[in-house]
Structures are given as C-alpha cells and as structure tokens.
Amino acid sequence: MTWLDDEDAWWQPGDKEPGVGRVVYWLATVVAALMVIFAVGDFFISWAQGQPILRIVALVAAAVVWLIGRTCRSLDA
C-alpha cells in the first residue's frame, strides 16, 4: 500500500510472517486507541452530567502502552 511507511507495514519485503515485535506493536496500538476512546467517552458522559473531567491519567497510560509497543517493534528489527 502506498499510504503506509515500510516500517509500519505488517510485513517487510522478503518476510514470511510478522515478527513478535510487530504483533505486540499493533496490539498495543489497538489497546491504546481503545483507552483513548473510553477516556473521551467518559469525558462526554461527565460533561453531560454537568461535571466535565478529562482523565489525563488515562491518556498518559494510553501513550505509555503505545510507546511500549513501539519499543517492542523496534527491538524486533
């Protein structure tokens, strides 16, 4: 696909299957995205109740999960 960088693709040219680091990276990305979605959803629910609270800890945790996945991907190379 032309819109993806080579390092973000599931497979590199010549690879037979994705490495463990890439699988952990994509799983961490999905988990981090779900954490952000739930944090934003919680913000809108609390906003509708009159007390908007943005869960900064949840957003920081999502960033940490994503960075751990990114590190696993780079160590797999």
C-alpha atoms as a PDB file:
ATOM      1  CA  MET A   1       0.000   0.000   0.000  1.00  0.00           C
ATOM      2  CA  THR A   2       1.386   3.342  -0.909  1.00  0.00           C
ATOM      3  CA  TRP A   3      -0.030   5.240   2.065  1.00  0.00           C
ATOM      4  CA  LEU A   4       1.889   3.201   4.656  1.00  0.00           C
ATOM      5  CA  ASP A   5       5.546   3.578   5.535  1.00  0.00           C
ATOM      6  CA  ASP A   6       7.549   0.428   5.103  1.00  0.00           C
ATOM      7  CA  GLU A   7       8.285   0.241   8.817  1.00  0.00           C
ATOM      8  CA  ASP A   8       4.582   0.375   9.741  1.00  0.00           C
ATOM      9  CA  ALA A   9       3.584  -2.416   7.372  1.00  0.00           C
ATOM     10  CA  TRP A  10       2.811  -5.842   8.815  1.00  0.00           C
ATOM     11  CA  TRP A  11       5.478  -7.485   6.677  1.00  0.00           C
ATOM     12  CA  GLN A  12       8.682  -6.243   5.175  1.00  0.00           C
ATOM     13  CA  PRO A  13       9.560  -7.430   1.693  1.00  0.00           C
ATOM     14  CA  GLY A  14      11.018 -10.908   1.988  1.00  0.00           C
ATOM     15  CA  ASP A  15       9.466 -11.688   5.392  1.00  0.00           C
ATOM     16  CA  LYS A  16       7.364 -14.830   5.670  1.00  0.00           C
ATOM     17  CA  GLU A  17       5.335 -13.806   8.715  1.00  0.00           C
ATOM     18  CA  PRO A  18       5.151 -10.808  11.059  1.00  0.00           C
ATOM     19  CA  GLY A  19       7.598 -10.777  13.931  1.00  0.00           C
ATOM     20  CA  VAL A  20       6.576 -10.812  17.571  1.00  0.00           C
ATOM     21  CA  GLY A  21       7.571  -7.162  17.960  1.00  0.00           C
ATOM     22  CA  ARG A  22       5.272  -6.053  15.148  1.00  0.00           C
ATOM     23  CA  VAL A  23       2.355  -8.069  16.534  1.00  0.00           C
ATOM     24  CA  VAL A  24       2.878  -6.576  20.013  1.00  0.00           C
ATOM     25  CA  TYR A  25       3.107  -3.100  18.440  1.00  0.00           C
ATOM     26  CA  TRP A  26      -0.201  -3.460  16.623  1.00  0.00           C
ATOM     27  CA  LEU A  27      -1.915  -4.953  19.685  1.00  0.00           C
ATOM     28  CA  ALA A  28      -0.578  -2.117  21.846  1.00  0.00           C
ATOM     29  CA  THR A  29      -1.804   0.395  19.275  1.00  0.00           C
ATOM     30  CA  VAL A  30      -5.306  -1.102  19.370  1.00  0.00           C
ATOM     31  CA  VAL A  31      -5.329  -1.155  23.200  1.00  0.00           C
ATOM     32  CA  ALA A  32      -4.085   2.450  23.350  1.00  0.00           C
ATOM     33  CA  ALA A  33      -6.754   3.554  20.864  1.00  0.00           C
ATOM     34  CA  LEU A  34      -9.458   1.864  22.945  1.00  0.00           C
ATOM     35  CA  MET A  35      -8.148   3.587  26.074  1.00  0.00           C
ATOM     36  CA  VAL A  36      -8.343   6.980  24.338  1.00  0.00           C
ATOM     37  CA  ILE A  37     -11.854   6.241  23.051  1.00  0.00           C
ATOM     38  CA  PHE A  38     -13.060   5.295  26.543  1.00  0.00           C
ATOM     39  CA  ALA A  39     -11.385   8.364  28.105  1.00  0.00           C
ATOM     40  CA  VAL A  40     -13.026  10.676  25.583  1.00  0.00           C
ATOM     41  CA  GLY A  41     -16.356   8.886  26.009  1.00  0.00           C
ATOM     42  CA  ASP A  42     -16.092   9.276  29.790  1.00  0.00           C
ATOM     43  CA  PHE A  43     -15.381  12.982  29.299  1.00  0.00           C
ATOM     44  CA  PHE A  44     -18.531  13.486  27.243  1.00  0.00           C
ATOM     45  CA  ILE A  45     -20.643  11.462  29.691  1.00  0.00           C
ATOM     46  CA  SER A  46     -19.388  13.515  32.639  1.00  0.00           C
ATOM     47  CA  TRP A  47     -19.850  16.705  30.602  1.00  0.00           C
ATOM     48  CA  ALA A  48     -23.494  15.791  30.029  1.00  0.00           C
ATOM     49  CA  GLN A  49     -23.879  15.322  33.788  1.00  0.00           C
ATOM     50  CA  GLY A  50     -22.523  18.816  34.420  1.00  0.00           C
ATOM     51  CA  GLN A  51     -19.027  17.994  35.675  1.00  0.00           C
ATOM     52  CA  PRO A  52     -16.649  17.613  32.745  1.00  0.00           C
ATOM     53  CA  ILE A  53     -13.497  15.804  33.837  1.00  0.00           C
ATOM     54  CA  LEU A  54     -10.782  14.880  31.365  1.00  0.00           C
ATOM     55  CA  ARG A  55      -8.951  11.762  32.501  1.00  0.00           C
ATOM     56  CA  ILE A  56      -5.352  12.816  31.906  1.00  0.00           C
ATOM     57  CA  VAL A  57      -4.068   9.650  33.589  1.00  0.00           C
ATOM     58  CA  ALA A  58      -5.936   7.504  31.055  1.00  0.00           C
ATOM     59  CA  LEU A  59      -4.459   9.465  28.151  1.00  0.00           C
ATOM     60  CA  VAL A  60      -0.948   9.217  29.616  1.00  0.00           C
ATOM     61  CA  ALA A  61      -1.443   5.478  30.184  1.00  0.00           C
ATOM     62  CA  ALA A  62      -2.551   5.088  26.556  1.00  0.00           C
ATOM     63  CA  ALA A  63       0.595   6.887  25.420  1.00  0.00           C
ATOM     64  CA  VAL A  64       2.746   4.628  27.616  1.00  0.00           C
ATOM     65  CA  VAL A  65       1.081   1.488  26.224  1.00  0.00           C
ATOM     66  CA  TRP A  66       1.669   2.717  22.676  1.00  0.00           C
ATOM     67  CA  LEU A  67       5.310   3.571  23.424  1.00  0.00           C
ATOM     68  CA  ILE A  68       5.894   0.108  24.902  1.00  0.00           C
ATOM     69  CA  GLY A  69       4.517  -1.400  21.696  1.00  0.00           C
ATOM     70  CA  ARG A  70       6.688   0.919  19.633  1.00  0.00           C
ATOM     71  CA  THR A  71       9.736  -0.167  21.618  1.00  0.00           C
ATOM     72  CA  CYS A  72       8.892  -3.842  21.082  1.00  0.00           C
ATOM     73  CA  ARG A  73       8.611  -3.213  17.358  1.00  0.00           C
ATOM     74  CA  SER A  74      11.990  -1.505  17.198  1.00  0.00           C
ATOM     75  CA  LEU A  75      13.651  -4.292  19.215  1.00  0.00           C
ATOM     76  CA  ASP A  76      12.232  -6.900  16.838  1.00  0.00           C
ATOM     77  CA  ALA A  77      14.184  -5.475  13.895  1.00  0.00           C
END
